[in-house]
Amino acid sequence: MADGERFGARTKTGGVCVVLRAETKAGQDERFAALLSDLAYSVRAEETGCRSYVVTREIGARERFAVHARFADWNSFERHAETPHMDSALPRLTAHLASPWTMEIFMEV
């Protein structure tokens, strides 16, 4: 079996780690932090496939945030995007952003 085939098989069953970065408009960091914290609580409470969902703020840059998430597998990661709490939170969060979100997706090895 080629390395690509082995990696492809793992992507369906291995853990998925995501780093989502955001920067808010000036003066909107506290509201954004509250909304993002509420979302994180819902994700941790309602998504059994989510192993960890941590919200952080960059030291020395109040407007810069990152979400560090770990999902059991690719299916759990995909289901996360389709939850009612994500549908509700994303438009409210996006309204406070100075620029688009960035997302890095990693597969556990």
PDB file of N, CA and C in Angstrom:
ATOM      1  N   MET A   1       0.849  -1.182   0.000  1.00  0.00           N
ATOM      2  CA  MET A   1       0.000   0.000   0.000  1.00  0.00           C
ATOM      3  C   MET A   1       0.892   1.242   0.000  1.00  0.00           C
ATOM      4  N   ALA A   2       0.578   2.219  -0.829  1.00  0.00           N
ATOM      5  CA  ALA A   2       1.344   3.455  -0.910  1.00  0.00           C
ATOM      6  C   ALA A   2       1.098   4.316   0.321  1.00  0.00           C
ATOM      7  N   ASP A   3       2.070   5.187   0.639  1.00  0.00           N
ATOM      8  CA  ASP A   3       1.933   6.059   1.806  1.00  0.00           C
ATOM      9  C   ASP A   3       0.682   6.920   1.729  1.00  0.00           C
ATOM     10  N   GLY A   4       0.358   7.419   0.563  1.00  0.00           N
ATOM     11  CA  GLY A   4      -0.836   8.254   0.402  1.00  0.00           C
ATOM     12  C   GLY A   4      -2.106   7.497   0.741  1.00  0.00           C
ATOM     13  N   GLU A   5      -2.154   6.222   0.388  1.00  0.00           N
ATOM     14  CA  GLU A   5      -3.335   5.415   0.700  1.00  0.00           C
ATOM     15  C   GLU A   5      -3.448   5.199   2.207  1.00  0.00           C
ATOM     16  N   ARG A   6      -2.325   4.930   2.860  1.00  0.00           N
ATOM     17  CA  ARG A   6      -2.360   4.754   4.315  1.00  0.00           C
ATOM     18  C   ARG A   6      -2.794   6.045   4.988  1.00  0.00           C
ATOM     19  N   PHE A   7      -2.247   7.170   4.546  1.00  0.00           N
ATOM     20  CA  PHE A   7      -2.639   8.443   5.136  1.00  0.00           C
ATOM     21  C   PHE A   7      -4.114   8.709   4.885  1.00  0.00           C
ATOM     22  N   GLY A   8      -4.588   8.429   3.673  1.00  0.00           N
ATOM     23  CA  GLY A   8      -5.999   8.633   3.357  1.00  0.00           C
ATOM     24  C   GLY A   8      -6.896   7.823   4.263  1.00  0.00           C
ATOM     25  N   ALA A   9      -6.512   6.603   4.569  1.00  0.00           N
ATOM     26  CA  ALA A   9      -7.320   5.772   5.465  1.00  0.00           C
ATOM     27  C   ALA A   9      -7.348   6.367   6.862  1.00  0.00           C
ATOM     28  N   ARG A  10      -6.236   6.904   7.318  1.00  0.00           N
ATOM     29  CA  ARG A  10      -6.188   7.497   8.652  1.00  0.00           C
ATOM     30  C   ARG A  10      -7.043   8.748   8.758  1.00  0.00           C
ATOM     31  N   THR A  11      -7.176   9.488   7.692  1.00  0.00           N
ATOM     32  CA  THR A  11      -7.929  10.728   7.782  1.00  0.00           C
ATOM     33  C   THR A  11      -9.388  10.476   8.121  1.00  0.00           C
ATOM     34  N   LYS A  12      -9.893   9.295   7.835  1.00  0.00           N
ATOM     35  CA  LYS A  12     -11.291   8.988   8.134  1.00  0.00           C
ATOM     36  C   LYS A  12     -11.490   8.531   9.573  1.00  0.00           C
ATOM     37  N   THR A  13     -10.428   8.021  10.214  1.00  0.00           N
ATOM     38  CA  THR A  13     -10.612   7.448  11.547  1.00  0.00           C
ATOM     39  C   THR A  13      -9.772   8.108  12.626  1.00  0.00           C
ATOM     40  N   GLY A  14      -8.707   8.799  12.271  1.00  0.00           N
ATOM     41  CA  GLY A  14      -7.837   9.408  13.272  1.00  0.00           C
ATOM     42  C   GLY A  14      -8.394  10.714  13.797  1.00  0.00           C
ATOM     43  N   GLY A  15      -7.786  11.193  14.878  1.00  0.00           N
ATOM     44  CA  GLY A  15      -8.196  12.454  15.469  1.00  0.00           C
ATOM     45  C   GLY A  15      -7.901  13.632  14.559  1.00  0.00           C
ATOM     46  N   VAL A  16      -8.690  14.674  14.711  1.00  0.00           N
ATOM     47  CA  VAL A  16      -8.536  15.903  13.934  1.00  0.00           C
ATOM     48  C   VAL A  16      -8.324  17.051  14.914  1.00  0.00           C
ATOM     49  N   CYS A  17      -7.276  17.824  14.689  1.00  0.00           N
ATOM     50  CA  CYS A  17      -6.984  18.996  15.513  1.00  0.00           C
ATOM     51  C   CYS A  17      -7.107  20.242  14.633  1.00  0.00           C
ATOM     52  N   VAL A  18      -7.726  21.264  15.192  1.00  0.00           N
ATOM     53  CA  VAL A  18      -7.994  22.485  14.435  1.00  0.00           C
ATOM     54  C   VAL A  18      -7.528  23.688  15.249  1.00  0.00           C
ATOM     55  N   VAL A  19      -6.886  24.625  14.566  1.00  0.00           N
ATOM     56  CA  VAL A  19      -6.560  25.913  15.163  1.00  0.00           C
ATOM     57  C   VAL A  19      -7.259  26.970  14.322  1.00  0.00           C
ATOM     58  N   LEU A  20      -8.158  27.688  14.939  1.00  0.00           N
ATOM     59  CA  LEU A  20      -8.924  28.741  14.276  1.00  0.00           C
ATOM     60  C   LEU A  20      -8.455  30.070  14.845  1.00  0.00           C
ATOM     61  N   ARG A  21      -8.087  31.004  13.991  1.00  0.00           N
ATOM     62  CA  ARG A  21      -7.586  32.311  14.453  1.00  0.00           C
ATOM     63  C   ARG A  21      -8.531  33.419  14.005  1.00  0.00           C
ATOM     64  N   ALA A  22      -8.664  34.416  14.879  1.00  0.00           N
ATOM     65  CA  ALA A  22      -9.546  35.541  14.589  1.00  0.00           C
ATOM     66  C   ALA A  22      -8.976  36.815  15.190  1.00  0.00           C
ATOM     67  N   GLU A  23      -9.250  37.930  14.524  1.00  0.00           N
ATOM     68  CA  GLU A  23      -8.895  39.243  15.055  1.00  0.00           C
ATOM     69  C   GLU A  23     -10.134  40.122  14.994  1.00  0.00           C
ATOM     70  N   THR A  24     -10.454  40.744  16.119  1.00  0.00           N
ATOM     71  CA  THR A  24     -11.661  41.562  16.184  1.00  0.00           C
ATOM     72  C   THR A  24     -11.392  43.002  15.780  1.00  0.00           C
ATOM     73  N   LYS A  25     -12.470  43.680  15.472  1.00  0.00           N
ATOM     74  CA  LYS A  25     -12.417  45.120  15.261  1.00  0.00           C
ATOM     75  C   LYS A  25     -12.081  45.776  16.593  1.00  0.00           C
ATOM     76  N   ALA A  26     -11.490  46.965  16.536  1.00  0.00           N
ATOM     77  CA  ALA A  26     -11.119  47.692  17.753  1.00  0.00           C
ATOM     78  C   ALA A  26     -12.338  47.886  18.654  1.00  0.00           C
ATOM     79  N   GLY A  27     -12.157  47.602  19.932  1.00  0.00           N
ATOM     80  CA  GLY A  27     -13.211  47.818  20.913  1.00  0.00           C
ATOM     81  C   GLY A  27     -14.267  46.726  20.982  1.00  0.00           C
ATOM     82  N   GLN A  28     -14.153  45.699  20.160  1.00  0.00           N
ATOM     83  CA  GLN A  28     -15.171  44.651  20.158  1.00  0.00           C
ATOM     84  C   GLN A  28     -14.670  43.332  20.747  1.00  0.00           C
ATOM     85  N   ASP A  29     -13.481  43.370  21.330  1.00  0.00           N
ATOM     86  CA  ASP A  29     -12.876  42.142  21.837  1.00  0.00           C
ATOM     87  C   ASP A  29     -13.631  41.524  23.014  1.00  0.00           C
ATOM     88  N   GLU A  30     -14.168  42.321  23.915  1.00  0.00           N
ATOM     89  CA  GLU A  30     -14.859  41.758  25.079  1.00  0.00           C
ATOM     90  C   GLU A  30     -16.164  41.065  24.679  1.00  0.00           C
ATOM     91  N   ARG A  31     -16.916  41.677  23.787  1.00  0.00           N
ATOM     92  CA  ARG A  31     -18.159  41.051  23.314  1.00  0.00           C
ATOM     93  C   ARG A  31     -17.843  39.760  22.557  1.00  0.00           C
ATOM     94  N   PHE A  32     -16.819  39.810  21.710  1.00  0.00           N
ATOM     95  CA  PHE A  32     -16.401  38.629  20.964  1.00  0.00           C
ATOM     96  C   PHE A  32     -15.964  37.520  21.921  1.00  0.00           C
ATOM     97  N   ALA A  33     -15.188  37.866  22.923  1.00  0.00           N
ATOM     98  CA  ALA A  33     -14.728  36.881  23.905  1.00  0.00           C
ATOM     99  C   ALA A  33     -15.907  36.217  24.608  1.00  0.00           C
ATOM    100  N   ALA A  34     -16.915  36.988  24.970  1.00  0.00           N
ATOM    101  CA  ALA A  34     -18.090  36.426  25.635  1.00  0.00           C
ATOM    102  C   ALA A  34     -18.853  35.480  24.714  1.00  0.00           C
ATOM    103  N   LEU A  35     -19.058  35.889  23.474  1.00  0.00           N
ATOM    104  CA  LEU A  35     -19.758  35.029  22.518  1.00  0.00           C
ATOM    105  C   LEU A  35     -18.986  33.740  22.249  1.00  0.00           C
ATOM    106  N   LEU A  36     -17.682  33.868  22.083  1.00  0.00           N
ATOM    107  CA  LEU A  36     -16.852  32.707  21.797  1.00  0.00           C
ATOM    108  C   LEU A  36     -16.804  31.760  23.001  1.00  0.00           C
ATOM    109  N   SER A  37     -16.768  32.312  24.192  1.00  0.00           N
ATOM    110  CA  SER A  37     -16.796  31.481  25.409  1.00  0.00           C
ATOM    111  C   SER A  37     -18.109  30.725  25.527  1.00  0.00           C
ATOM    112  N   ASP A  38     -19.219  31.397  25.208  1.00  0.00           N
ATOM    113  CA  ASP A  38     -20.525  30.722  25.223  1.00  0.00           C
ATOM    114  C   ASP A  38     -20.564  29.580  24.210  1.00  0.00           C
ATOM    115  N   LEU A  39     -20.022  29.818  23.025  1.00  0.00           N
ATOM    116  CA  LEU A  39     -19.972  28.774  22.007  1.00  0.00           C
ATOM    117  C   LEU A  39     -19.136  27.596  22.498  1.00  0.00           C
ATOM    118  N   ALA A  40     -17.984  27.873  23.067  1.00  0.00           N
ATOM    119  CA  ALA A  40     -17.108  26.808  23.551  1.00  0.00           C
ATOM    120  C   ALA A  40     -17.818  25.955  24.604  1.00  0.00           C
ATOM    121  N   TYR A  41     -18.571  26.585  25.473  1.00  0.00           N
ATOM    122  CA  TYR A  41     -19.325  25.844  26.492  1.00  0.00           C
ATOM    123  C   TYR A  41     -20.321  24.890  25.815  1.00  0.00           C
ATOM    124  N   SER A  42     -21.043  25.393  24.817  1.00  0.00           N
ATOM    125  CA  SER A  42     -22.017  24.555  24.103  1.00  0.00           C
ATOM    126  C   SER A  42     -21.341  23.397  23.385  1.00  0.00           C
ATOM    127  N   VAL A  43     -20.236  23.664  22.743  1.00  0.00           N
ATOM    128  CA  VAL A  43     -19.524  22.612  22.015  1.00  0.00           C
ATOM    129  C   VAL A  43     -19.094  21.514  22.984  1.00  0.00           C
ATOM    130  N   ARG A  44     -18.464  21.917  24.087  1.00  0.00           N
ATOM    131  CA  ARG A  44     -17.986  20.921  25.051  1.00  0.00           C
ATOM    132  C   ARG A  44     -19.140  20.141  25.674  1.00  0.00           C
ATOM    133  N   ALA A  45     -20.274  20.785  25.901  1.00  0.00           N
ATOM    134  CA  ALA A  45     -21.405  20.134  26.557  1.00  0.00           C
ATOM    135  C   ALA A  45     -22.215  19.243  25.620  1.00  0.00           C
ATOM    136  N   GLU A  46     -22.278  19.585  24.336  1.00  0.00           N
ATOM    137  CA  GLU A  46     -23.213  18.929  23.434  1.00  0.00           C
ATOM    138  C   GLU A  46     -22.596  18.036  22.364  1.00  0.00           C
ATOM    139  N   GLU A  47     -21.310  18.137  22.133  1.00  0.00           N
ATOM    140  CA  GLU A  47     -20.687  17.374  21.051  1.00  0.00           C
ATOM    141  C   GLU A  47     -19.800  16.262  21.618  1.00  0.00           C
ATOM    142  N   THR A  48     -20.318  15.044  21.587  1.00  0.00           N
ATOM    143  CA  THR A  48     -19.564  13.921  22.146  1.00  0.00           C
ATOM    144  C   THR A  48     -18.280  13.642  21.376  1.00  0.00           C
ATOM    145  N   GLY A  49     -18.216  14.007  20.105  1.00  0.00           N
ATOM    146  CA  GLY A  49     -17.015  13.781  19.306  1.00  0.00           C
ATOM    147  C   GLY A  49     -15.947  14.835  19.493  1.00  0.00           C
ATOM    148  N   CYS A  50     -16.239  15.863  20.272  1.00  0.00           N
ATOM    149  CA  CYS A  50     -15.256  16.913  20.543  1.00  0.00           C
ATOM    150  C   CYS A  50     -14.500  16.545  21.813  1.00  0.00           C
ATOM    151  N   ARG A  51     -13.209  16.328  21.693  1.00  0.00           N
ATOM    152  CA  ARG A  51     -12.379  15.940  22.833  1.00  0.00           C
ATOM    153  C   ARG A  51     -11.896  17.142  23.632  1.00  0.00           C
ATOM    154  N   SER A  52     -11.778  18.291  22.967  1.00  0.00           N
ATOM    155  CA  SER A  52     -11.300  19.497  23.638  1.00  0.00           C
ATOM    156  C   SER A  52     -11.646  20.702  22.769  1.00  0.00           C
ATOM    157  N   TYR A  53     -11.995  21.809  23.422  1.00  0.00           N
ATOM    158  CA  TYR A  53     -12.349  23.036  22.704  1.00  0.00           C
ATOM    159  C   TYR A  53     -11.962  24.191  23.611  1.00  0.00           C
ATOM    160  N   VAL A  54     -10.817  24.801  23.337  1.00  0.00           N
ATOM    161  CA  VAL A  54     -10.240  25.806  24.220  1.00  0.00           C
ATOM    162  C   VAL A  54     -10.118  27.133  23.470  1.00  0.00           C
ATOM    163  N   VAL A  55     -10.589  28.200  24.093  1.00  0.00           N
ATOM    164  CA  VAL A  55     -10.493  29.541  23.533  1.00  0.00           C
ATOM    165  C   VAL A  55      -9.330  30.258  24.218  1.00  0.00           C
ATOM    166  N   THR A  56      -8.455  30.870  23.412  1.00  0.00           N
ATOM    167  CA  THR A  56      -7.322  31.610  23.963  1.00  0.00           C
ATOM    168  C   THR A  56      -7.269  33.009  23.366  1.00  0.00           C
ATOM    169  N   ARG A  57      -6.569  33.884  24.073  1.00  0.00           N
ATOM    170  CA  ARG A  57      -6.344  35.253  23.607  1.00  0.00           C
ATOM    171  C   ARG A  57      -4.837  35.479  23.612  1.00  0.00           C
ATOM    172  N   GLU A  58      -4.325  36.107  22.552  1.00  0.00           N
ATOM    173  CA  GLU A  58      -2.888  36.328  22.434  1.00  0.00           C
ATOM    174  C   GLU A  58      -2.416  37.315  23.509  1.00  0.00           C
ATOM    175  N   ILE A  59      -1.318  36.984  24.140  1.00  0.00           N
ATOM    176  CA  ILE A  59      -0.738  37.871  25.148  1.00  0.00           C
ATOM    177  C   ILE A  59      -0.274  39.154  24.463  1.00  0.00           C
ATOM    178  N   GLY A  60      -0.711  40.283  24.980  1.00  0.00           N
ATOM    179  CA  GLY A  60      -0.300  41.571  24.437  1.00  0.00           C
ATOM    180  C   GLY A  60      -1.100  42.042  23.228  1.00  0.00           C
ATOM    181  N   ALA A  61      -2.105  41.270  22.818  1.00  0.00           N
ATOM    182  CA  ALA A  61      -2.920  41.649  21.656  1.00  0.00           C
ATOM    183  C   ALA A  61      -4.367  41.257  21.947  1.00  0.00           C
ATOM    184  N   ARG A  62      -5.072  42.107  22.649  1.00  0.00           N
ATOM    185  CA  ARG A  62      -6.430  41.799  23.119  1.00  0.00           C
ATOM    186  C   ARG A  62      -7.400  41.433  22.003  1.00  0.00           C
ATOM    187  N   GLU A  63      -7.130  41.891  20.789  1.00  0.00           N
ATOM    188  CA  GLU A  63      -8.045  41.634  19.672  1.00  0.00           C
ATOM    189  C   GLU A  63      -7.781  40.308  18.969  1.00  0.00           C
ATOM    190  N   ARG A  64      -6.736  39.580  19.343  1.00  0.00           N
ATOM    191  CA  ARG A  64      -6.377  38.342  18.648  1.00  0.00           C
ATOM    192  C   ARG A  64      -6.733  37.126  19.493  1.00  0.00           C
ATOM    193  N   PHE A  65      -7.502  36.238  18.880  1.00  0.00           N
ATOM    194  CA  PHE A  65      -7.991  35.035  19.547  1.00  0.00           C
ATOM    195  C   PHE A  65      -7.613  33.803  18.743  1.00  0.00           C
ATOM    196  N   ALA A  66      -7.599  32.679  19.439  1.00  0.00           N
ATOM    197  CA  ALA A  66      -7.434  31.387  18.761  1.00  0.00           C
ATOM    198  C   ALA A  66      -8.313  30.370  19.480  1.00  0.00           C
ATOM    199  N   VAL A  67      -8.890  29.476  18.691  1.00  0.00           N
ATOM    200  CA  VAL A  67      -9.621  28.334  19.231  1.00  0.00           C
ATOM    201  C   VAL A  67      -8.789  27.110  18.887  1.00  0.00           C
ATOM    202  N   HIS A  68      -8.534  26.291  19.893  1.00  0.00           N
ATOM    203  CA  HIS A  68      -7.783  25.047  19.722  1.00  0.00           C
ATOM    204  C   HIS A  68      -8.771  23.922  19.984  1.00  0.00           C
ATOM    205  N   ALA A  69      -9.084  23.168  18.944  1.00  0.00           N
ATOM    206  CA  ALA A  69     -10.105  22.119  19.067  1.00  0.00           C
ATOM    207  C   ALA A  69      -9.527  20.774  18.659  1.00  0.00           C
ATOM    208  N   ARG A  70     -10.014  19.735  19.315  1.00  0.00           N
ATOM    209  CA  ARG A  70      -9.613  18.368  18.970  1.00  0.00           C
ATOM    210  C   ARG A  70     -10.867  17.521  18.869  1.00  0.00           C
ATOM    211  N   PHE A  71     -11.011  16.844  17.746  1.00  0.00           N
ATOM    212  CA  PHE A  71     -12.174  16.000  17.485  1.00  0.00           C
ATOM    213  C   PHE A  71     -11.734  14.545  17.373  1.00  0.00           C
ATOM    214  N   ALA A  72     -12.614  13.638  17.736  1.00  0.00           N
ATOM    215  CA  ALA A  72     -12.306  12.211  17.732  1.00  0.00           C
ATOM    216  C   ALA A  72     -11.947  11.702  16.344  1.00  0.00           C
ATOM    217  N   ASP A  73     -12.610  12.241  15.329  1.00  0.00           N
ATOM    218  CA  ASP A  73     -12.379  11.785  13.962  1.00  0.00           C
ATOM    219  C   ASP A  73     -12.939  12.819  12.990  1.00  0.00           C
ATOM    220  N   TRP A  74     -12.747  12.552  11.706  1.00  0.00           N
ATOM    221  CA  TRP A  74     -13.184  13.491  10.671  1.00  0.00           C
ATOM    222  C   TRP A  74     -14.696  13.705  10.706  1.00  0.00           C
ATOM    223  N   ASN A  75     -15.455  12.642  10.928  1.00  0.00           N
ATOM    224  CA  ASN A  75     -16.914  12.777  10.975  1.00  0.00           C
ATOM    225  C   ASN A  75     -17.359  13.703  12.109  1.00  0.00           C
ATOM    226  N   SER A  76     -16.712  13.604  13.250  1.00  0.00           N
ATOM    227  CA  SER A  76     -17.037  14.496  14.371  1.00  0.00           C
ATOM    228  C   SER A  76     -16.738  15.946  14.015  1.00  0.00           C
ATOM    229  N   PHE A  77     -15.620  16.162  13.327  1.00  0.00           N
ATOM    230  CA  PHE A  77     -15.267  17.508  12.886  1.00  0.00           C
ATOM    231  C   PHE A  77     -16.315  18.047  11.913  1.00  0.00           C
ATOM    232  N   GLU A  78     -16.737  17.234  10.963  1.00  0.00           N
ATOM    233  CA  GLU A  78     -17.759  17.673  10.006  1.00  0.00           C
ATOM    234  C   GLU A  78     -19.093  17.954  10.688  1.00  0.00           C
ATOM    235  N   ARG A  79     -19.498  17.108  11.626  1.00  0.00           N
ATOM    236  CA  ARG A  79     -20.761  17.321  12.348  1.00  0.00           C
ATOM    237  C   ARG A  79     -20.728  18.619  13.154  1.00  0.00           C
ATOM    238  N   HIS A  80     -19.565  18.967  13.662  1.00  0.00           N
ATOM    239  CA  HIS A  80     -19.407  20.204  14.435  1.00  0.00           C
ATOM    240  C   HIS A  80     -19.907  21.418  13.650  1.00  0.00           C
ATOM    241  N   ALA A  81     -19.581  21.465  12.377  1.00  0.00           N
ATOM    242  CA  ALA A  81     -19.965  22.607  11.539  1.00  0.00           C
ATOM    243  C   ALA A  81     -21.464  22.683  11.287  1.00  0.00           C
ATOM    244  N   GLU A  82     -22.175  21.590  11.520  1.00  0.00           N
ATOM    245  CA  GLU A  82     -23.603  21.529  11.210  1.00  0.00           C
ATOM    246  C   GLU A  82     -24.501  21.613  12.442  1.00  0.00           C
ATOM    247  N   THR A  83     -23.948  21.939  13.590  1.00  0.00           N
ATOM    248  CA  THR A  83     -24.732  21.977  14.824  1.00  0.00           C
ATOM    249  C   THR A  83     -25.528  23.279  14.931  1.00  0.00           C
ATOM    250  N   PRO A  84     -26.654  23.254  15.630  1.00  0.00           N
ATOM    251  CA  PRO A  84     -27.439  24.480  15.825  1.00  0.00           C
ATOM    252  C   PRO A  84     -26.653  25.585  16.526  1.00  0.00           C
ATOM    253  N   HIS A  85     -25.809  25.223  17.491  1.00  0.00           N
ATOM    254  CA  HIS A  85     -25.056  26.278  18.179  1.00  0.00           C
ATOM    255  C   HIS A  85     -24.038  26.944  17.248  1.00  0.00           C
ATOM    256  N   MET A  86     -23.487  26.209  16.285  1.00  0.00           N
ATOM    257  CA  MET A  86     -22.595  26.847  15.310  1.00  0.00           C
ATOM    258  C   MET A  86     -23.385  27.745  14.368  1.00  0.00           C
ATOM    259  N   ASP A  87     -24.535  27.259  13.887  1.00  0.00           N
ATOM    260  CA  ASP A  87     -25.377  28.073  13.012  1.00  0.00           C
ATOM    261  C   ASP A  87     -25.759  29.393  13.667  1.00  0.00           C
ATOM    262  N   SER A  88     -26.034  29.339  14.947  1.00  0.00           N
ATOM    263  CA  SER A  88     -26.443  30.538  15.683  1.00  0.00           C
ATOM    264  C   SER A  88     -25.265  31.470  15.962  1.00  0.00           C
ATOM    265  N   ALA A  89     -24.129  30.900  16.343  1.00  0.00           N
ATOM    266  CA  ALA A  89     -23.002  31.722  16.798  1.00  0.00           C
ATOM    267  C   ALA A  89     -22.192  32.361  15.670  1.00  0.00           C
ATOM    268  N   LEU A  90     -22.001  31.659  14.559  1.00  0.00           N
ATOM    269  CA  LEU A  90     -21.095  32.174  13.526  1.00  0.00           C
ATOM    270  C   LEU A  90     -21.450  33.560  12.997  1.00  0.00           C
ATOM    271  N   PRO A  91     -22.712  33.847  12.658  1.00  0.00           N
ATOM    272  CA  PRO A  91     -23.008  35.199  12.175  1.00  0.00           C
ATOM    273  C   PRO A  91     -22.736  36.273  13.224  1.00  0.00           C
ATOM    274  N   ARG A  92     -23.044  35.972  14.483  1.00  0.00           N
ATOM    275  CA  ARG A  92     -22.812  36.956  15.552  1.00  0.00           C
ATOM    276  C   ARG A  92     -21.321  37.172  15.776  1.00  0.00           C
ATOM    277  N   LEU A  93     -20.534  36.115  15.728  1.00  0.00           N
ATOM    278  CA  LEU A  93     -19.088  36.245  15.887  1.00  0.00           C
ATOM    279  C   LEU A  93     -18.464  36.982  14.708  1.00  0.00           C
ATOM    280  N   THR A  94     -18.850  36.601  13.507  1.00  0.00           N
ATOM    281  CA  THR A  94     -18.273  37.184  12.298  1.00  0.00           C
ATOM    282  C   THR A  94     -18.486  38.695  12.229  1.00  0.00           C
ATOM    283  N   ALA A  95     -19.581  39.176  12.770  1.00  0.00           N
ATOM    284  CA  ALA A  95     -19.868  40.612  12.759  1.00  0.00           C
ATOM    285  C   ALA A  95     -18.807  41.427  13.504  1.00  0.00           C
ATOM    286  N   HIS A  96     -18.064  40.805  14.393  1.00  0.00           N
ATOM    287  CA  HIS A  96     -17.053  41.506  15.195  1.00  0.00           C
ATOM    288  C   HIS A  96     -15.644  41.399  14.626  1.00  0.00           C
ATOM    289  N   LEU A  97     -15.466  40.682  13.520  1.00  0.00           N
ATOM    290  CA  LEU A  97     -14.131  40.426  12.987  1.00  0.00           C
ATOM    291  C   LEU A  97     -13.590  41.580  12.152  1.00  0.00           C
ATOM    292  N   ALA A  98     -12.299  41.816  12.298  1.00  0.00           N
ATOM    293  CA  ALA A  98     -11.605  42.814  11.490  1.00  0.00           C
ATOM    294  C   ALA A  98     -11.178  42.228  10.146  1.00  0.00           C
ATOM    295  N   SER A  99     -11.025  40.910  10.098  1.00  0.00           N
ATOM    296  CA  SER A  99     -10.633  40.203   8.876  1.00  0.00           C
ATOM    297  C   SER A  99     -11.205  38.793   8.957  1.00  0.00           C
ATOM    298  N   PRO A 100     -11.194  38.064   7.851  1.00  0.00           N
ATOM    299  CA  PRO A 100     -11.760  36.707   7.883  1.00  0.00           C
ATOM    300  C   PRO A 100     -11.001  35.771   8.841  1.00  0.00           C
ATOM    301  N   TRP A 101     -11.721  34.760   9.332  1.00  0.00           N
ATOM    302  CA  TRP A 101     -11.113  33.710  10.143  1.00  0.00           C
ATOM    303  C   TRP A 101     -10.019  33.024   9.340  1.00  0.00           C
ATOM    304  N   THR A 102      -9.044  32.463  10.013  1.00  0.00           N
ATOM    305  CA  THR A 102      -8.120  31.536   9.377  1.00  0.00           C
ATOM    306  C   THR A 102      -8.221  30.208  10.134  1.00  0.00           C
ATOM    307  N   MET A 103      -8.042  29.118   9.407  1.00  0.00           N
ATOM    308  CA  MET A 103      -8.169  27.810  10.028  1.00  0.00           C
ATOM    309  C   MET A 103      -7.067  26.896   9.522  1.00  0.00           C
ATOM    310  N   GLU A 104      -6.432  26.196  10.468  1.00  0.00           N
ATOM    311  CA  GLU A 104      -5.453  25.169  10.144  1.00  0.00           C
ATOM    312  C   GLU A 104      -6.019  23.847  10.659  1.00  0.00           C
ATOM    313  N   ILE A 105      -5.972  22.824   9.820  1.00  0.00           N
ATOM    314  CA  ILE A 105      -6.501  21.513  10.173  1.00  0.00           C
ATOM    315  C   ILE A 105      -5.367  20.504  10.143  1.00  0.00           C
ATOM    316  N   PHE A 106      -5.258  19.734  11.215  1.00  0.00           N
ATOM    317  CA  PHE A 106      -4.189  18.747  11.347  1.00  0.00           C
ATOM    318  C   PHE A 106      -4.792  17.382  11.648  1.00  0.00           C
ATOM    319  N   MET A 107      -4.165  16.340  11.123  1.00  0.00           N
ATOM    320  CA  MET A 107      -4.549  14.967  11.447  1.00  0.00           C
ATOM    321  C   MET A 107      -3.557  14.438  12.468  1.00  0.00           C
ATOM    322  N   GLU A 108      -4.048  13.741  13.482  1.00  0.00           N
ATOM    323  CA  GLU A 108      -3.159  13.147  14.464  1.00  0.00           C
ATOM    324  C   GLU A 108      -2.362  12.020  13.818  1.00  0.00           C
ATOM    325  N   VAL A 109      -1.133  11.865  14.260  1.00  0.00           N
ATOM    326  CA  VAL A 109      -0.283  10.794  13.736  1.00  0.00           C
ATOM    327  C   VAL A 109       0.081   9.835  14.854  1.00  0.00           C
TER     328      VAL A 109
END
